[in-house]
Amino acid sequence: MAVSGDRAPVIFSCEGERLTAEERAFFTGLRPAGFILMGRNCRGPEQIRDLIGELRDCVGDRLTPVLVDQEGGPVQRLRPPAWADLPSPADLGDLYEADPGNGLTAARLHGRIIAGQLAPLGFTVDCAPTLDVRQAQTHHFLVRRVFGNTANSVMALSRAWREGLEDGGVSPAIKHAPGHGRATADSHEALPEVADSDDRLAIDLAPFAAHQDAPWVLTAHIRYPAWDTREPATFSTAVIGGILRRRLGLRGVVVSDDLNMNALGGSLAERAQRALAAGCDLALHCKGDLAEMSEIAMALPTMSAASARRLTAARDYQARLTVARRAEEAAAPAERLAALWRLMGRDAAQ
């Protein structure tokens, strides 16, 4: 089903575990292109299924994408006791360095287990895998969230992880394009600048080039003077159009990282406008604050025809995954989790 022209080019969240009447009216009137749930929105399986159903009912579209950040390790919106705690991408990378075969097997299992957490709840997109290449200077907020310190290890593990996720019926959203590994600041707190040359940055680009077919792409709020001396990637036509689209050949829906992050300047309305003007297909706002969402909504343009085509393609991609998803055996999730922890050299109960 093609995306109609009345969908707003934005992904919003909500404040709590159920929609308020005000949120319901707002989303019904605006019809956002998608939604994202955060930890505050996720208490238990039945509650999440109900909330996702409410969100989709607001826009009258059961195929509306619903995103979540579920990486394993430090970033898991679904946490114990309702969901299993999972190793980090860096843990998978450590195993890969010691035993490449077991590392790739573990990465596939990891992605498949996460899909098994997400798909039954109604999530269709996981904001992962992280394709950043770890460097000596990588900020500590990101260190355990990346697969490795070489482009080849990140490419191998992210491809295996993505195979597992898609086998379980969930679409990946690769991030943080065009690469966050060289940044020494946390973009949640400040605007990082990566002053390396284009030649050196080619290492960071390689994992993204290996995922040209990814249906979703999240940007990095980082300035790269080699490509744009003024604007961070999220606001840069040189980066979005020149690097992500033309040089890397990324075909998916490009979504800004969260507009609330302190790396960006200007009002929230200005941030949304600048991201979309630079070539992002959708703006992302994760806070769930109705006043902030209303400010952004007033500034949103009509979704472009090109963005609508890419969003339709991403929805079609997800539909194919859903159809191909294998039926779950009752014991399969526990068996996969036990197999993963055996590969990691740990007991699942630890």
C-alpha atoms as a PDB file:
ATOM      1  CA  MET A   1       0.000   0.000   0.000  1.00  0.00           C
ATOM      2  CA  ALA A   2       1.471   3.337  -1.060  1.00  0.00           C
ATOM      3  CA  VAL A   3       1.875   6.054   1.566  1.00  0.00           C
ATOM      4  CA  SER A   4      -0.707   8.773   1.076  1.00  0.00           C
ATOM      5  CA  GLY A   5       0.276  12.420   0.939  1.00  0.00           C
ATOM      6  CA  ASP A   6      -1.380  13.306   4.240  1.00  0.00           C
ATOM      7  CA  ARG A   7       1.178  11.556   6.456  1.00  0.00           C
ATOM      8  CA  ALA A   8       3.354  14.016   8.372  1.00  0.00           C
ATOM      9  CA  PRO A   9       7.124  13.548   7.841  1.00  0.00           C
ATOM     10  CA  VAL A  10       7.844  12.850  11.498  1.00  0.00           C
ATOM     11  CA  ILE A  11       8.195  10.040  14.033  1.00  0.00           C
ATOM     12  CA  PHE A  12       6.802  10.847  17.476  1.00  0.00           C
ATOM     13  CA  SER A  13       6.537   9.099  20.842  1.00  0.00           C
ATOM     14  CA  CYS A  14       4.110   9.475  23.741  1.00  0.00           C
ATOM     15  CA  GLU A  15       4.502  10.339  27.393  1.00  0.00           C
ATOM     16  CA  GLY A  16       3.489   7.162  29.179  1.00  0.00           C
ATOM     17  CA  GLU A  17       2.249   3.608  28.993  1.00  0.00           C
ATOM     18  CA  ARG A  18      -1.165   4.531  27.538  1.00  0.00           C
ATOM     19  CA  LEU A  19      -2.291   7.398  25.336  1.00  0.00           C
ATOM     20  CA  THR A  20      -4.000  10.356  26.922  1.00  0.00           C
ATOM     21  CA  ALA A  21      -7.086  11.799  25.265  1.00  0.00           C
ATOM     22  CA  GLU A  22      -5.030  14.806  24.195  1.00  0.00           C
ATOM     23  CA  GLU A  23      -2.344  12.632  22.602  1.00  0.00           C
ATOM     24  CA  ARG A  24      -4.967  10.568  20.820  1.00  0.00           C
ATOM     25  CA  ALA A  25      -6.580  13.674  19.327  1.00  0.00           C
ATOM     26  CA  PHE A  26      -3.202  15.116  18.338  1.00  0.00           C
ATOM     27  CA  PHE A  27      -1.985  11.980  16.557  1.00  0.00           C
ATOM     28  CA  THR A  28      -5.355  11.477  14.856  1.00  0.00           C
ATOM     29  CA  GLY A  29      -5.231  14.975  13.431  1.00  0.00           C
ATOM     30  CA  LEU A  30      -1.566  14.977  12.438  1.00  0.00           C
ATOM     31  CA  ARG A  31      -1.127  11.360  11.250  1.00  0.00           C
ATOM     32  CA  PRO A  32       2.639  10.957  11.859  1.00  0.00           C
ATOM     33  CA  ALA A  33       4.530   8.668   9.482  1.00  0.00           C
ATOM     34  CA  GLY A  34       5.611   6.496  12.402  1.00  0.00           C
ATOM     35  CA  PHE A  35       6.065   6.155  16.158  1.00  0.00           C
ATOM     36  CA  ILE A  36       8.882   5.221  18.524  1.00  0.00           C
ATOM     37  CA  LEU A  37       8.585   3.785  22.032  1.00  0.00           C
ATOM     38  CA  MET A  38      11.094   4.501  24.784  1.00  0.00           C
ATOM     39  CA  GLY A  39      11.769   2.776  28.083  1.00  0.00           C
ATOM     40  CA  ARG A  40       9.098   4.857  29.851  1.00  0.00           C
ATOM     41  CA  ASN A  41       6.502   3.418  27.450  1.00  0.00           C
ATOM     42  CA  CYS A  42       7.382  -0.240  28.022  1.00  0.00           C
ATOM     43  CA  ARG A  43       6.136  -2.012  31.159  1.00  0.00           C
ATOM     44  CA  GLY A  44       5.008  -5.416  29.913  1.00  0.00           C
ATOM     45  CA  PRO A  45       4.007  -7.352  26.806  1.00  0.00           C
ATOM     46  CA  GLU A  46       0.242  -6.865  26.949  1.00  0.00           C
ATOM     47  CA  GLN A  47       0.568  -3.180  27.774  1.00  0.00           C
ATOM     48  CA  ILE A  48       2.953  -2.626  24.830  1.00  0.00           C
ATOM     49  CA  ARG A  49       0.691  -4.480  22.405  1.00  0.00           C
ATOM     50  CA  ASP A  50      -2.238  -2.343  23.531  1.00  0.00           C
ATOM     51  CA  LEU A  51      -0.251   0.893  23.237  1.00  0.00           C
ATOM     52  CA  ILE A  52       1.012   0.059  19.749  1.00  0.00           C
ATOM     53  CA  GLY A  53      -2.545  -0.799  18.738  1.00  0.00           C
ATOM     54  CA  GLU A  54      -3.760   2.547  20.083  1.00  0.00           C
ATOM     55  CA  LEU A  55      -1.097   4.434  18.152  1.00  0.00           C
ATOM     56  CA  ARG A  56      -1.927   2.708  14.897  1.00  0.00           C
ATOM     57  CA  ASP A  57      -5.652   3.222  15.459  1.00  0.00           C
ATOM     58  CA  CYS A  58      -5.013   6.974  15.719  1.00  0.00           C
ATOM     59  CA  VAL A  59      -3.679   7.132  12.172  1.00  0.00           C
ATOM     60  CA  GLY A  60      -5.999   4.474  10.779  1.00  0.00           C
ATOM     61  CA  ASP A  61      -3.148   2.408   9.389  1.00  0.00           C
ATOM     62  CA  ARG A  62      -2.149  -0.993  10.744  1.00  0.00           C
ATOM     63  CA  LEU A  63       1.100  -0.896   8.749  1.00  0.00           C
ATOM     64  CA  THR A  64       2.400   2.282  10.393  1.00  0.00           C
ATOM     65  CA  PRO A  65       6.028   1.665  11.438  1.00  0.00           C
ATOM     66  CA  VAL A  66       6.694   1.455  15.168  1.00  0.00           C
ATOM     67  CA  LEU A  67      10.362   1.746  16.159  1.00  0.00           C
ATOM     68  CA  VAL A  68      12.356   0.937  19.294  1.00  0.00           C
ATOM     69  CA  ASP A  69      16.031   0.919  20.358  1.00  0.00           C
ATOM     70  CA  GLN A  70      16.888  -2.661  21.299  1.00  0.00           C
ATOM     71  CA  GLU A  71      20.618  -3.238  20.799  1.00  0.00           C
ATOM     72  CA  GLY A  72      21.548  -5.420  23.767  1.00  0.00           C
ATOM     73  CA  GLY A  73      23.949  -4.296  26.465  1.00  0.00           C
ATOM     74  CA  PRO A  74      23.593  -0.637  27.496  1.00  0.00           C
ATOM     75  CA  VAL A  75      20.663   0.141  25.169  1.00  0.00           C
ATOM     76  CA  GLN A  76      17.659  -2.104  25.797  1.00  0.00           C
ATOM     77  CA  ARG A  77      14.215  -0.557  26.101  1.00  0.00           C
ATOM     78  CA  LEU A  78      12.812  -4.003  26.932  1.00  0.00           C
ATOM     79  CA  ARG A  79      14.536  -5.156  30.105  1.00  0.00           C
ATOM     80  CA  PRO A  80      14.295  -7.815  32.784  1.00  0.00           C
ATOM     81  CA  PRO A  81      12.283  -9.198  34.381  1.00  0.00           C
ATOM     82  CA  ALA A  82       9.799  -9.220  31.493  1.00  0.00           C
ATOM     83  CA  TRP A  83      12.538  -9.705  28.879  1.00  0.00           C
ATOM     84  CA  ALA A  84      15.924 -11.377  28.914  1.00  0.00           C
ATOM     85  CA  ASP A  85      19.027  -9.275  29.399  1.00  0.00           C
ATOM     86  CA  LEU A  86      21.268  -9.592  26.346  1.00  0.00           C
ATOM     87  CA  PRO A  87      24.991  -9.101  25.714  1.00  0.00           C
ATOM     88  CA  SER A  88      26.202  -5.941  24.038  1.00  0.00           C
ATOM     89  CA  PRO A  89      27.392  -5.621  20.439  1.00  0.00           C
ATOM     90  CA  ALA A  90      30.904  -5.192  21.848  1.00  0.00           C
ATOM     91  CA  ASP A  91      30.579  -8.540  23.636  1.00  0.00           C
ATOM     92  CA  LEU A  92      29.799 -10.121  20.269  1.00  0.00           C
ATOM     93  CA  GLY A  93      32.817  -8.349  18.830  1.00  0.00           C
ATOM     94  CA  ASP A  94      35.062  -9.718  21.563  1.00  0.00           C
ATOM     95  CA  LEU A  95      33.880 -13.251  20.786  1.00  0.00           C
ATOM     96  CA  TYR A  96      34.433 -12.660  17.063  1.00  0.00           C
ATOM     97  CA  GLU A  97      38.030 -11.600  17.705  1.00  0.00           C
ATOM     98  CA  ALA A  98      38.651 -14.837  19.611  1.00  0.00           C
ATOM     99  CA  ASP A  99      36.626 -17.125  17.339  1.00  0.00           C
ATOM    100  CA  PRO A 100      35.180 -15.604  14.129  1.00  0.00           C
ATOM    101  CA  GLY A 101      32.875 -18.535  13.412  1.00  0.00           C
ATOM    102  CA  ASN A 102      31.289 -18.535  16.846  1.00  0.00           C
ATOM    103  CA  GLY A 103      31.152 -14.750  16.777  1.00  0.00           C
ATOM    104  CA  LEU A 104      29.079 -14.729  13.595  1.00  0.00           C
ATOM    105  CA  THR A 105      26.823 -17.493  14.904  1.00  0.00           C
ATOM    106  CA  ALA A 106      26.279 -15.528  18.120  1.00  0.00           C
ATOM    107  CA  ALA A 107      25.526 -12.346  16.170  1.00  0.00           C
ATOM    108  CA  ARG A 108      22.825 -14.099  14.131  1.00  0.00           C
ATOM    109  CA  LEU A 109      21.321 -15.584  17.299  1.00  0.00           C
ATOM    110  CA  HIS A 110      21.430 -12.186  19.004  1.00  0.00           C
ATOM    111  CA  GLY A 111      19.525 -10.531  16.162  1.00  0.00           C
ATOM    112  CA  ARG A 112      17.036 -13.393  16.022  1.00  0.00           C
ATOM    113  CA  ILE A 113      16.407 -13.248  19.767  1.00  0.00           C
ATOM    114  CA  ILE A 114      15.778  -9.501  19.616  1.00  0.00           C
ATOM    115  CA  ALA A 115      13.336 -10.016  16.745  1.00  0.00           C
ATOM    116  CA  GLY A 116      11.603 -12.608  18.899  1.00  0.00           C
ATOM    117  CA  GLN A 117      11.241  -9.971  21.603  1.00  0.00           C
ATOM    118  CA  LEU A 118       9.943  -7.269  19.282  1.00  0.00           C
ATOM    119  CA  ALA A 119       7.781  -8.815  16.569  1.00  0.00           C
ATOM    120  CA  PRO A 120       5.131 -10.391  18.845  1.00  0.00           C
ATOM    121  CA  LEU A 121       4.579  -6.984  20.471  1.00  0.00           C
ATOM    122  CA  GLY A 122       3.936  -5.216  17.175  1.00  0.00           C
ATOM    123  CA  PHE A 123       7.282  -3.463  16.688  1.00  0.00           C
ATOM    124  CA  THR A 124       8.384  -3.441  13.056  1.00  0.00           C
ATOM    125  CA  VAL A 125      11.707  -1.540  13.161  1.00  0.00           C
ATOM    126  CA  ASP A 126      14.690  -1.886  15.494  1.00  0.00           C
ATOM    127  CA  CYS A 127      17.035   1.117  15.592  1.00  0.00           C
ATOM    128  CA  ALA A 128      20.055  -1.121  15.100  1.00  0.00           C
ATOM    129  CA  PRO A 129      22.603  -2.317  14.110  1.00  0.00           C
ATOM    130  CA  THR A 130      25.103   0.353  15.090  1.00  0.00           C
ATOM    131  CA  LEU A 131      27.635   0.505  12.264  1.00  0.00           C
ATOM    132  CA  ASP A 132      30.125   2.873  13.909  1.00  0.00           C
ATOM    133  CA  VAL A 133      33.749   1.713  13.961  1.00  0.00           C
ATOM    134  CA  ARG A 134      35.313   1.969  17.424  1.00  0.00           C
ATOM    135  CA  GLN A 135      38.445   4.115  17.661  1.00  0.00           C
ATOM    136  CA  ALA A 136      40.841   4.839  20.503  1.00  0.00           C
ATOM    137  CA  GLN A 137      39.025   8.125  21.112  1.00  0.00           C
ATOM    138  CA  THR A 138      35.443   6.818  20.860  1.00  0.00           C
ATOM    139  CA  HIS A 139      33.331   8.415  23.589  1.00  0.00           C
ATOM    140  CA  HIS A 140      32.489   6.034  26.418  1.00  0.00           C
ATOM    141  CA  PHE A 141      28.722   6.310  25.782  1.00  0.00           C
ATOM    142  CA  LEU A 142      29.253   4.430  22.506  1.00  0.00           C
ATOM    143  CA  VAL A 143      32.099   2.010  23.253  1.00  0.00           C
ATOM    144  CA  ARG A 144      29.997  -1.035  24.229  1.00  0.00           C
ATOM    145  CA  ARG A 145      27.405  -0.312  21.543  1.00  0.00           C
ATOM    146  CA  VAL A 146      29.653  -1.039  18.552  1.00  0.00           C
ATOM    147  CA  PHE A 147      30.792  -4.370  17.147  1.00  0.00           C
ATOM    148  CA  GLY A 148      34.485  -3.718  16.675  1.00  0.00           C
ATOM    149  CA  ASN A 149      37.450  -1.516  15.859  1.00  0.00           C
ATOM    150  CA  THR A 150      37.828  -2.413  12.175  1.00  0.00           C
ATOM    151  CA  ALA A 151      35.475  -1.840   9.286  1.00  0.00           C
ATOM    152  CA  ASN A 152      35.719  -5.519   8.338  1.00  0.00           C
ATOM    153  CA  SER A 153      34.646  -6.786  11.763  1.00  0.00           C
ATOM    154  CA  VAL A 154      31.748  -4.325  11.902  1.00  0.00           C
ATOM    155  CA  MET A 155      30.630  -5.330   8.402  1.00  0.00           C
ATOM    156  CA  ALA A 156      30.778  -9.051   9.122  1.00  0.00           C
ATOM    157  CA  LEU A 157      29.017  -8.933  12.476  1.00  0.00           C
ATOM    158  CA  SER A 158      26.380  -6.389  11.460  1.00  0.00           C
ATOM    159  CA  ARG A 159      25.452  -8.436   8.413  1.00  0.00           C
ATOM    160  CA  ALA A 160      25.090 -11.604  10.501  1.00  0.00           C
ATOM    161  CA  TRP A 161      23.119  -9.730  13.178  1.00  0.00           C
ATOM    162  CA  ARG A 162      20.843  -8.208  10.557  1.00  0.00           C
ATOM    163  CA  GLU A 163      20.183 -11.638   9.022  1.00  0.00           C
ATOM    164  CA  GLY A 164      18.961 -12.845  12.400  1.00  0.00           C
ATOM    165  CA  LEU A 165      16.763  -9.807  12.977  1.00  0.00           C
ATOM    166  CA  GLU A 166      15.154 -10.029   9.539  1.00  0.00           C
ATOM    167  CA  ASP A 167      14.676 -13.790   9.850  1.00  0.00           C
ATOM    168  CA  GLY A 168      12.520 -12.969  12.858  1.00  0.00           C
ATOM    169  CA  GLY A 169      10.425 -10.470  10.905  1.00  0.00           C
ATOM    170  CA  VAL A 170      11.835  -7.087  12.036  1.00  0.00           C
ATOM    171  CA  SER A 171      13.403  -4.378   9.854  1.00  0.00           C
ATOM    172  CA  PRO A 172      16.783  -2.839  10.769  1.00  0.00           C
ATOM    173  CA  ALA A 173      17.551   0.882  10.983  1.00  0.00           C
ATOM    174  CA  ILE A 174      21.305   1.308  10.538  1.00  0.00           C
ATOM    175  CA  LYS A 175      23.010   4.084  12.490  1.00  0.00           C
ATOM    176  CA  HIS A 176      24.717   6.549  13.062  1.00  0.00           C
ATOM    177  CA  ALA A 177      25.354   7.565   9.458  1.00  0.00           C
ATOM    178  CA  PRO A 178      27.949   8.475   8.285  1.00  0.00           C
ATOM    179  CA  GLY A 179      29.773   7.239  11.419  1.00  0.00           C
ATOM    180  CA  HIS A 180      30.077   8.236  15.083  1.00  0.00           C
ATOM    181  CA  GLY A 181      33.168   6.269  16.071  1.00  0.00           C
ATOM    182  CA  ARG A 182      35.706   9.094  15.763  1.00  0.00           C
ATOM    183  CA  ALA A 183      33.694  11.561  17.858  1.00  0.00           C
ATOM    184  CA  THR A 184      35.105  12.410  21.281  1.00  0.00           C
ATOM    185  CA  ALA A 185      31.861  13.980  22.552  1.00  0.00           C
ATOM    186  CA  ASP A 186      28.416  12.540  23.246  1.00  0.00           C
ATOM    187  CA  SER A 187      25.977  14.101  20.785  1.00  0.00           C
ATOM    188  CA  HIS A 188      23.277  13.899  23.451  1.00  0.00           C
ATOM    189  CA  GLU A 189      25.263  16.567  25.314  1.00  0.00           C
ATOM    190  CA  ALA A 190      27.186  18.619  22.717  1.00  0.00           C
ATOM    191  CA  LEU A 191      27.970  18.859  19.005  1.00  0.00           C
ATOM    192  CA  PRO A 192      30.972  16.678  18.179  1.00  0.00           C
ATOM    193  CA  GLU A 193      33.289  17.653  15.354  1.00  0.00           C
ATOM    194  CA  VAL A 194      35.283  15.022  13.507  1.00  0.00           C
ATOM    195  CA  ALA A 195      38.109  16.789  11.696  1.00  0.00           C
ATOM    196  CA  ASP A 196      39.623  13.771   9.923  1.00  0.00           C
ATOM    197  CA  SER A 197      40.273  13.806   6.193  1.00  0.00           C
ATOM    198  CA  ASP A 198      38.006  12.236   3.612  1.00  0.00           C
ATOM    199  CA  ASP A 199      40.556   9.450   3.139  1.00  0.00           C
ATOM    200  CA  ARG A 200      40.445   8.491   6.805  1.00  0.00           C
ATOM    201  CA  LEU A 201      36.674   8.831   7.004  1.00  0.00           C
ATOM    202  CA  ALA A 202      36.383   6.253   4.218  1.00  0.00           C
ATOM    203  CA  ILE A 203      37.018   3.599   6.890  1.00  0.00           C
ATOM    204  CA  ASP A 204      33.902   4.731   8.761  1.00  0.00           C
ATOM    205  CA  LEU A 205      31.820   4.807   5.582  1.00  0.00           C
ATOM    206  CA  ALA A 206      32.596   1.216   4.563  1.00  0.00           C
ATOM    207  CA  PRO A 207      30.072  -0.519   6.888  1.00  0.00           C
ATOM    208  CA  PHE A 208      27.286   1.761   5.668  1.00  0.00           C
ATOM    209  CA  ALA A 209      28.171   1.059   2.028  1.00  0.00           C
ATOM    210  CA  ALA A 210      27.790  -2.649   2.844  1.00  0.00           C
ATOM    211  CA  HIS A 211      24.146  -2.020   3.845  1.00  0.00           C
ATOM    212  CA  GLN A 212      22.933  -0.051   0.825  1.00  0.00           C
ATOM    213  CA  ASP A 213      19.673  -1.996   0.877  1.00  0.00           C
ATOM    214  CA  ALA A 214      18.834  -1.193   4.501  1.00  0.00           C
ATOM    215  CA  PRO A 215      15.238   0.070   4.635  1.00  0.00           C
ATOM    216  CA  TRP A 216      15.942   2.634   7.390  1.00  0.00           C
ATOM    217  CA  VAL A 217      18.927   4.898   8.165  1.00  0.00           C
ATOM    218  CA  LEU A 218      19.476   7.126  11.214  1.00  0.00           C
ATOM    219  CA  THR A 219      21.791  10.128  10.994  1.00  0.00           C
ATOM    220  CA  ALA A 220      24.600  11.307  13.269  1.00  0.00           C
ATOM    221  CA  HIS A 221      24.455  14.752  14.870  1.00  0.00           C
ATOM    222  CA  ILE A 222      28.129  15.376  14.083  1.00  0.00           C
ATOM    223  CA  ARG A 223      29.952  17.996  11.998  1.00  0.00           C
ATOM    224  CA  TYR A 224      32.470  16.664   9.468  1.00  0.00           C
ATOM    225  CA  PRO A 225      34.481  19.624   8.048  1.00  0.00           C
ATOM    226  CA  ALA A 226      35.861  17.390   5.285  1.00  0.00           C
ATOM    227  CA  TRP A 227      32.358  17.446   3.826  1.00  0.00           C
ATOM    228  CA  ASP A 228      30.609  20.460   5.387  1.00  0.00           C
ATOM    229  CA  THR A 229      32.386  23.091   7.459  1.00  0.00           C
ATOM    230  CA  ARG A 230      29.188  24.572   8.903  1.00  0.00           C
ATOM    231  CA  GLU A 231      26.415  22.076   9.447  1.00  0.00           C
ATOM    232  CA  PRO A 232      26.160  18.771  11.343  1.00  0.00           C
ATOM    233  CA  ALA A 233      25.302  15.792   9.158  1.00  0.00           C
ATOM    234  CA  THR A 234      21.604  15.906  10.068  1.00  0.00           C
ATOM    235  CA  PHE A 235      21.335  19.463   8.668  1.00  0.00           C
ATOM    236  CA  SER A 236      23.762  19.034   5.760  1.00  0.00           C
ATOM    237  CA  THR A 237      22.678  18.556   2.157  1.00  0.00           C
ATOM    238  CA  ALA A 238      26.315  17.759   1.373  1.00  0.00           C
ATOM    239  CA  VAL A 239      26.245  14.823   3.794  1.00  0.00           C
ATOM    240  CA  ILE A 240      22.659  13.582   3.328  1.00  0.00           C
ATOM    241  CA  GLY A 241      22.581  13.985  -0.435  1.00  0.00           C
ATOM    242  CA  GLY A 242      26.251  13.823  -1.325  1.00  0.00           C
ATOM    243  CA  ILE A 243      27.602  11.193   1.061  1.00  0.00           C
ATOM    244  CA  LEU A 244      24.662   9.036   2.178  1.00  0.00           C
ATOM    245  CA  ARG A 245      22.644   9.003  -1.021  1.00  0.00           C
ATOM    246  CA  ARG A 246      25.149   9.374  -3.879  1.00  0.00           C
ATOM    247  CA  ARG A 247      28.487   8.156  -2.532  1.00  0.00           C
ATOM    248  CA  LEU A 248      27.192   5.339  -0.326  1.00  0.00           C
ATOM    249  CA  GLY A 249      24.094   4.580  -2.378  1.00  0.00           C
ATOM    250  CA  LEU A 250      21.816   4.271   0.666  1.00  0.00           C
ATOM    251  CA  ARG A 251      18.260   3.784  -0.567  1.00  0.00           C
ATOM    252  CA  GLY A 252      16.305   3.625   2.679  1.00  0.00           C
ATOM    253  CA  VAL A 253      14.260   6.120   4.643  1.00  0.00           C
ATOM    254  CA  VAL A 254      16.709   8.594   6.218  1.00  0.00           C
ATOM    255  CA  VAL A 255      15.564   9.645   9.696  1.00  0.00           C
ATOM    256  CA  SER A 256      17.200  12.309  11.818  1.00  0.00           C
ATOM    257  CA  ASP A 257      18.500  11.202  15.169  1.00  0.00           C
ATOM    258  CA  ASP A 258      16.452  12.605  18.059  1.00  0.00           C
ATOM    259  CA  LEU A 259      15.816  16.340  17.622  1.00  0.00           C
ATOM    260  CA  ASN A 260      16.047  16.873  21.384  1.00  0.00           C
ATOM    261  CA  MET A 261      19.758  16.087  21.542  1.00  0.00           C
ATOM    262  CA  ASN A 262      21.966  18.997  22.592  1.00  0.00           C
ATOM    263  CA  ALA A 263      24.220  18.642  19.555  1.00  0.00           C
ATOM    264  CA  LEU A 264      21.640  20.606  17.570  1.00  0.00           C
ATOM    265  CA  GLY A 265      20.950  24.320  17.826  1.00  0.00           C
ATOM    266  CA  GLY A 266      17.813  26.368  17.292  1.00  0.00           C
ATOM    267  CA  SER A 267      14.240  25.700  18.316  1.00  0.00           C
ATOM    268  CA  LEU A 268      12.704  22.281  17.873  1.00  0.00           C
ATOM    269  CA  ALA A 269      10.645  23.631  14.987  1.00  0.00           C
ATOM    270  CA  GLU A 270      13.795  24.950  13.315  1.00  0.00           C
ATOM    271  CA  ARG A 271      15.599  21.661  13.877  1.00  0.00           C
ATOM    272  CA  ALA A 272      12.824  19.704  12.179  1.00  0.00           C
ATOM    273  CA  GLN A 273      12.699  22.127   9.263  1.00  0.00           C
ATOM    274  CA  ARG A 274      16.466  22.072   8.753  1.00  0.00           C
ATOM    275  CA  ALA A 275      16.693  18.273   8.920  1.00  0.00           C
ATOM    276  CA  LEU A 276      13.949  17.827   6.331  1.00  0.00           C
ATOM    277  CA  ALA A 277      15.332  20.591   4.109  1.00  0.00           C
ATOM    278  CA  ALA A 278      18.743  18.890   4.148  1.00  0.00           C
ATOM    279  CA  GLY A 279      17.277  15.670   2.777  1.00  0.00           C
ATOM    280  CA  CYS A 280      16.127  13.661   5.795  1.00  0.00           C
ATOM    281  CA  ASP A 281      12.862  11.948   4.918  1.00  0.00           C
ATOM    282  CA  LEU A 282      11.541  12.039   8.487  1.00  0.00           C
ATOM    283  CA  ALA A 283      12.320  13.993  11.645  1.00  0.00           C
ATOM    284  CA  LEU A 284      12.529  12.060  14.922  1.00  0.00           C
ATOM    285  CA  HIS A 285      11.361  13.372  18.305  1.00  0.00           C
ATOM    286  CA  CYS A 286      11.509  10.900  21.191  1.00  0.00           C
ATOM    287  CA  LYS A 287      10.554  12.864  24.310  1.00  0.00           C
ATOM    288  CA  GLY A 288       6.799  12.389  24.085  1.00  0.00           C
ATOM    289  CA  ASP A 289       6.134  15.946  25.285  1.00  0.00           C
ATOM    290  CA  LEU A 290       2.888  17.140  23.700  1.00  0.00           C
ATOM    291  CA  ALA A 291       3.819  20.829  23.745  1.00  0.00           C
ATOM    292  CA  GLU A 292       7.100  20.101  21.975  1.00  0.00           C
ATOM    293  CA  MET A 293       5.412  17.835  19.446  1.00  0.00           C
ATOM    294  CA  SER A 294       2.831  20.540  18.739  1.00  0.00           C
ATOM    295  CA  GLU A 295       5.617  23.051  18.101  1.00  0.00           C
ATOM    296  CA  ILE A 296       7.278  20.700  15.647  1.00  0.00           C
ATOM    297  CA  ALA A 297       3.983  19.818  13.945  1.00  0.00           C
ATOM    298  CA  MET A 298       3.260  23.466  13.161  1.00  0.00           C
ATOM    299  CA  ALA A 299       6.529  23.690  11.233  1.00  0.00           C
ATOM    300  CA  LEU A 300       6.367  20.474   9.233  1.00  0.00           C
ATOM    301  CA  PRO A 301       6.151  20.654   5.445  1.00  0.00           C
ATOM    302  CA  THR A 302       4.178  18.205   3.351  1.00  0.00           C
ATOM    303  CA  MET A 303       6.033  14.947   2.883  1.00  0.00           C
ATOM    304  CA  SER A 304       7.891  14.975  -0.415  1.00  0.00           C
ATOM    305  CA  ALA A 305       7.005  12.526  -3.156  1.00  0.00           C
ATOM    306  CA  ALA A 306      10.496  10.994  -2.961  1.00  0.00           C
ATOM    307  CA  SER A 307      10.175  10.484   0.788  1.00  0.00           C
ATOM    308  CA  ALA A 308       6.726   8.949   0.371  1.00  0.00           C
ATOM    309  CA  ARG A 309       8.158   6.484  -2.171  1.00  0.00           C
ATOM    310  CA  ARG A 310      10.972   5.499   0.181  1.00  0.00           C
ATOM    311  CA  LEU A 311       8.543   5.071   3.072  1.00  0.00           C
ATOM    312  CA  THR A 312       6.326   2.884   0.896  1.00  0.00           C
ATOM    313  CA  ALA A 313       9.376   0.806  -0.058  1.00  0.00           C
ATOM    314  CA  ALA A 314      10.311   0.383   3.623  1.00  0.00           C
ATOM    315  CA  ARG A 315       6.772  -0.734   4.456  1.00  0.00           C
ATOM    316  CA  ASP A 316       6.836  -3.202   1.564  1.00  0.00           C
ATOM    317  CA  TYR A 317      10.195  -4.500   2.820  1.00  0.00           C
ATOM    318  CA  GLN A 318       8.660  -5.057   6.246  1.00  0.00           C
ATOM    319  CA  ALA A 319       5.621  -6.771   4.740  1.00  0.00           C
ATOM    320  CA  ARG A 320       7.893  -9.297   3.010  1.00  0.00           C
ATOM    321  CA  LEU A 321       9.695 -10.001   6.285  1.00  0.00           C
ATOM    322  CA  THR A 322       6.408 -10.500   8.084  1.00  0.00           C
ATOM    323  CA  VAL A 323       5.172 -12.987   5.494  1.00  0.00           C
ATOM    324  CA  ALA A 324       8.468 -14.900   5.557  1.00  0.00           C
ATOM    325  CA  ARG A 325       8.714 -15.032   9.343  1.00  0.00           C
ATOM    326  CA  ARG A 326       8.798 -18.588  10.576  1.00  0.00           C
ATOM    327  CA  ALA A 327       6.264 -19.758  13.145  1.00  0.00           C
ATOM    328  CA  GLU A 328       7.729 -19.804  16.648  1.00  0.00           C
ATOM    329  CA  GLU A 329       7.987 -23.110  18.472  1.00  0.00           C
ATOM    330  CA  ALA A 330       7.137 -22.741  22.134  1.00  0.00           C
ATOM    331  CA  ALA A 331      10.646 -23.659  23.270  1.00  0.00           C
ATOM    332  CA  ALA A 332      12.575 -21.871  20.533  1.00  0.00           C
ATOM    333  CA  PRO A 333      13.148 -18.490  22.275  1.00  0.00           C
ATOM    334  CA  ALA A 334      14.583 -20.119  25.428  1.00  0.00           C
ATOM    335  CA  GLU A 335      16.691 -22.476  23.342  1.00  0.00           C
ATOM    336  CA  ARG A 336      18.124 -19.607  21.305  1.00  0.00           C
ATOM    337  CA  LEU A 337      18.949 -17.633  24.447  1.00  0.00           C
ATOM    338  CA  ALA A 338      20.681 -20.610  26.052  1.00  0.00           C
ATOM    339  CA  ALA A 339      22.653 -21.239  22.847  1.00  0.00           C
ATOM    340  CA  LEU A 340      23.753 -17.602  22.727  1.00  0.00           C
ATOM    341  CA  TRP A 341      25.028 -17.599  26.295  1.00  0.00           C
ATOM    342  CA  ARG A 342      26.861 -20.901  25.723  1.00  0.00           C
ATOM    343  CA  LEU A 343      28.685 -19.309  22.807  1.00  0.00           C
ATOM    344  CA  MET A 344      29.519 -16.332  25.030  1.00  0.00           C
ATOM    345  CA  GLY A 345      30.986 -18.753  27.582  1.00  0.00           C
ATOM    346  CA  ARG A 346      28.440 -17.879  30.233  1.00  0.00           C
ATOM    347  CA  ASP A 347      25.420 -19.443  31.852  1.00  0.00           C
ATOM    348  CA  ALA A 348      22.137 -17.755  30.884  1.00  0.00           C
ATOM    349  CA  ALA A 349      21.279 -17.287  34.541  1.00  0.00           C
ATOM    350  CA  GLN A 350      24.370 -15.152  35.195  1.00  0.00           C
END
